[in-house]
Amino acid sequence: MNIEMPVTLKMGDLMSEDEFFQFCQMNDTLEFERDSHGNIILMSPTGSFTGGFSSKVLIELGIWNKENHLGVVFDSSTGFTLPNGAVRSPDISWIKEGRWEALTEEEQEKFAPICPDFVIEIRSKSDELNYLLDKMNEYVANGAKLGWLIDRFDKKVYVFEPGQSIVIYDNLDILLPGEPILPGFTLDLGSIMKQV
């Protein structure tokens, strides 16, 4: 049986934020998101190649962040409650230190009520492109300053910034600049593609 992922459970607003957090903790072997209408989305695990690729991108961002001490890097297991009420888990994300530190400890322990400043989504085999494009637009509409959607299958990168048209690169052998949100950070995507 071939099931398209992600699977959406049409829940509406049946769960509060705390109830949804508890639901996720009770089902911690599964990955969930929730859209702005309260519907629960069951996420598919990524394939091994995509997971390895994502880890290499995360390491590059982590090294830059360790050297610059400008914020906090998060992996794909991290949920954030966006201003529109959706709970999303970008594949990789980063939040400026001051914004993160402004949250209470309790807020940081749950699905923090904040949209990351920088998000990366990496398309896996089970991901519909339009679904990911919608998520990227949602991040920007909720406060993200920069977003990269890396599509290994169509060999494209989509760059999202507020108030700007989406920039599309038709090549994965590129240098992606993080300026001005991530000063001095450049992702050598071509080099990472050769490592996995």
Protein backbone atom coordinates (compact mmCIF):
# COMPACT_ATOMS: atom_id res chain seq x y z
CA MET A 1 0.00 0.00 0.00
CA ASN A 2 1.43 3.38 -1.02
CA ILE A 3 0.42 6.23 1.33
CA GLU A 4 1.29 9.81 0.44
CA MET A 5 2.88 11.72 3.29
CA PRO A 6 2.18 13.82 5.16
CA VAL A 7 -1.15 12.53 6.45
CA THR A 8 -3.45 15.22 7.87
CA LEU A 9 -5.92 14.43 10.65
CA LYS A 10 -8.78 16.92 10.30
CA MET A 11 -9.07 17.91 13.95
CA GLY A 12 -9.97 21.57 13.79
CA ASP A 13 -9.34 23.35 17.10
CA LEU A 14 -10.04 20.35 19.32
CA MET A 15 -6.77 20.61 21.24
CA SER A 16 -5.29 23.54 23.11
CA GLU A 17 -1.57 24.27 22.72
CA ASP A 18 -0.83 22.46 25.99
CA GLU A 19 -2.97 19.47 24.98
CA PHE A 20 -1.23 19.23 21.62
CA PHE A 21 2.17 19.37 23.34
CA GLN A 22 1.09 16.55 25.71
CA PHE A 23 -0.27 14.56 22.75
CA CYS A 24 3.13 14.82 21.03
CA GLN A 25 4.96 13.79 24.22
CA MET A 26 2.72 10.75 24.63
CA ASN A 27 3.43 9.74 21.01
CA ASP A 28 7.11 10.62 21.01
CA THR A 29 8.04 7.95 18.47
CA LEU A 30 6.03 9.88 15.86
CA GLU A 31 6.61 13.32 14.35
CA PHE A 32 3.69 15.76 14.22
CA GLU A 33 3.01 19.28 13.06
CA ARG A 34 -0.21 21.25 13.37
CA ASP A 35 -1.53 23.74 10.83
CA SER A 36 -3.12 27.09 11.63
CA HIS A 37 -6.60 25.46 11.61
CA GLY A 38 -5.63 22.97 14.33
CA ASN A 39 -5.36 19.98 11.98
CA ILE A 40 -2.65 17.48 12.98
CA ILE A 41 -0.13 16.45 10.34
CA LEU A 42 1.70 13.14 10.69
CA MET A 43 5.18 13.54 9.22
CA SER A 44 7.04 10.79 7.43
CA PRO A 45 10.58 9.91 8.55
CA THR A 46 13.17 11.06 6.03
CA GLY A 47 15.16 8.58 3.98
CA SER A 48 18.74 7.89 5.01
CA PHE A 49 20.30 9.98 2.22
CA THR A 50 18.14 13.01 3.07
CA GLY A 51 18.93 12.58 6.78
CA GLY A 52 22.67 12.49 6.10
CA PHE A 53 22.43 15.51 3.81
CA SER A 54 20.42 17.43 6.39
CA SER A 55 22.96 16.59 9.10
CA LYS A 56 25.82 17.99 7.03
CA VAL A 57 23.93 21.27 6.47
CA LEU A 58 23.12 21.41 10.21
CA ILE A 59 26.80 20.90 11.07
CA GLU A 60 27.88 23.75 8.77
CA LEU A 61 25.37 26.12 10.37
CA GLY A 62 26.38 24.88 13.83
CA ILE A 63 30.08 25.55 13.19
CA TRP A 64 29.31 29.08 12.00
CA ASN A 65 27.09 29.68 15.04
CA LYS A 66 29.71 28.34 17.47
CA GLU A 67 32.29 30.73 16.03
CA ASN A 68 29.96 33.76 16.02
CA HIS A 69 27.76 33.26 19.11
CA LEU A 70 24.80 35.04 17.50
CA GLY A 71 21.94 32.65 18.14
CA VAL A 72 20.68 29.12 18.64
CA VAL A 73 20.51 26.32 16.04
CA PHE A 74 17.69 23.74 16.09
CA ASP A 75 17.21 20.37 14.41
CA SER A 76 14.15 18.86 12.75
CA SER A 77 12.69 17.51 16.00
CA THR A 78 12.07 21.03 17.32
CA GLY A 79 8.55 22.41 17.24
CA PHE A 80 7.70 26.12 17.22
CA THR A 81 4.28 27.71 17.68
CA LEU A 82 4.03 30.37 14.99
CA PRO A 83 2.01 33.58 15.47
CA ASN A 84 -0.80 32.11 13.29
CA GLY A 85 -1.15 29.19 15.75
CA ALA A 86 0.51 26.54 13.56
CA VAL A 87 3.13 24.29 15.17
CA ARG A 88 5.92 23.68 12.67
CA SER A 89 9.22 21.78 12.76
CA PRO A 90 11.62 23.06 10.09
CA ASP A 91 14.38 20.65 9.07
CA ILE A 92 16.94 23.18 10.32
CA SER A 93 16.33 26.53 11.99
CA TRP A 94 18.09 29.36 13.77
CA ILE A 95 16.91 32.08 16.15
CA LYS A 96 18.80 35.23 17.14
CA GLU A 97 20.10 34.98 20.67
CA GLY A 98 18.19 38.01 22.01
CA ARG A 99 14.86 36.74 20.69
CA TRP A 100 15.46 33.27 22.14
CA GLU A 101 16.59 34.62 25.51
CA ALA A 102 13.46 36.81 25.73
CA LEU A 103 11.36 33.64 26.06
CA THR A 104 10.69 32.20 29.49
CA GLU A 105 12.19 28.85 30.45
CA GLU A 106 8.71 27.31 30.35
CA GLU A 107 8.17 28.64 26.80
CA GLN A 108 11.53 27.22 25.70
CA GLU A 109 10.66 23.79 27.12
CA LYS A 110 7.49 23.46 25.03
CA PHE A 111 6.81 24.43 21.41
CA ALA A 112 8.28 27.90 21.81
CA PRO A 113 5.91 30.69 20.71
CA ILE A 114 8.29 32.12 18.14
CA CYS A 115 9.02 31.88 14.44
CA PRO A 116 12.70 31.19 13.70
CA ASP A 117 14.65 33.94 11.96
CA PHE A 118 16.11 31.43 9.50
CA VAL A 119 14.62 28.15 8.28
CA ILE A 120 15.71 25.39 5.94
CA GLU A 121 13.44 22.72 4.52
CA ILE A 122 15.04 19.86 2.58
CA ARG A 123 12.73 17.98 0.25
CA SER A 124 12.66 14.25 0.86
CA LYS A 125 11.13 11.64 -1.42
CA SER A 126 7.80 11.69 0.45
CA ASP A 127 7.44 15.51 0.32
CA GLU A 128 5.12 17.21 -2.12
CA LEU A 129 6.83 20.33 -3.48
CA ASN A 130 3.71 22.53 -3.23
CA TYR A 131 3.27 21.56 0.42
CA LEU A 132 6.84 22.68 1.18
CA LEU A 133 6.44 25.90 -0.81
CA ASP A 134 3.32 26.68 1.25
CA LYS A 135 5.26 26.01 4.47
CA MET A 136 8.07 28.33 3.39
CA ASN A 137 5.58 31.10 2.61
CA GLU A 138 3.99 30.49 6.01
CA TYR A 139 7.35 30.88 7.79
CA VAL A 140 8.00 34.21 6.05
CA ALA A 141 4.45 35.45 6.72
CA ASN A 142 4.99 34.66 10.41
CA GLY A 143 8.33 36.40 10.84
CA ALA A 144 11.16 34.38 9.25
CA LYS A 145 13.75 36.69 7.70
CA LEU A 146 15.34 34.09 5.42
CA GLY A 147 14.32 30.63 4.22
CA TRP A 148 15.89 28.06 1.95
CA LEU A 149 13.99 25.20 0.37
CA ILE A 150 16.50 22.70 -1.02
CA ASP A 151 14.95 20.37 -3.59
CA ARG A 152 17.43 17.58 -4.36
CA PHE A 153 15.04 15.86 -6.76
CA ASP A 154 14.42 18.79 -9.13
CA LYS A 155 17.93 20.16 -8.40
CA LYS A 156 16.62 23.57 -7.33
CA VAL A 157 16.96 25.91 -4.37
CA TYR A 158 14.20 28.37 -3.49
CA VAL A 159 15.20 31.41 -1.43
CA PHE A 160 12.50 33.22 0.55
CA GLU A 161 12.78 36.68 2.10
CA PRO A 162 10.02 39.00 3.34
CA GLY A 163 8.78 41.45 0.72
CA GLN A 164 10.88 39.82 -2.02
CA SER A 165 10.03 37.55 -4.93
CA ILE A 166 11.17 33.96 -4.49
CA VAL A 167 14.65 33.48 -5.98
CA ILE A 168 15.07 30.10 -7.68
CA TYR A 169 18.46 28.56 -8.43
CA ASP A 170 18.36 25.75 -11.03
CA ASN A 171 21.58 24.21 -9.77
CA LEU A 172 22.72 22.65 -6.51
CA ASP A 173 26.39 23.41 -7.17
CA ILE A 174 26.14 26.88 -5.64
CA LEU A 175 27.19 29.00 -2.68
CA LEU A 176 24.15 30.15 -0.67
CA PRO A 177 24.82 33.42 1.19
CA GLY A 178 23.20 33.91 4.60
CA GLU A 179 23.71 37.69 4.66
CA PRO A 180 22.46 39.82 6.27
CA ILE A 181 20.62 37.51 8.70
CA LEU A 182 23.62 35.21 9.19
CA PRO A 183 26.66 37.50 8.84
CA GLY A 184 29.56 35.71 7.19
CA PHE A 185 27.71 32.43 6.69
CA THR A 186 27.80 30.83 3.24
CA LEU A 187 26.64 27.29 2.55
CA ASP A 188 28.70 25.48 -0.09
CA LEU A 189 25.87 23.30 -1.28
CA GLY A 190 27.88 21.72 -4.09
CA SER A 191 30.53 20.52 -1.66
CA ILE A 192 27.90 18.99 0.64
CA MET A 193 26.27 17.20 -2.30
CA LYS A 194 29.62 15.54 -3.04
CA GLN A 195 30.02 14.38 0.60
CA VAL A 196 26.82 12.33 0.80
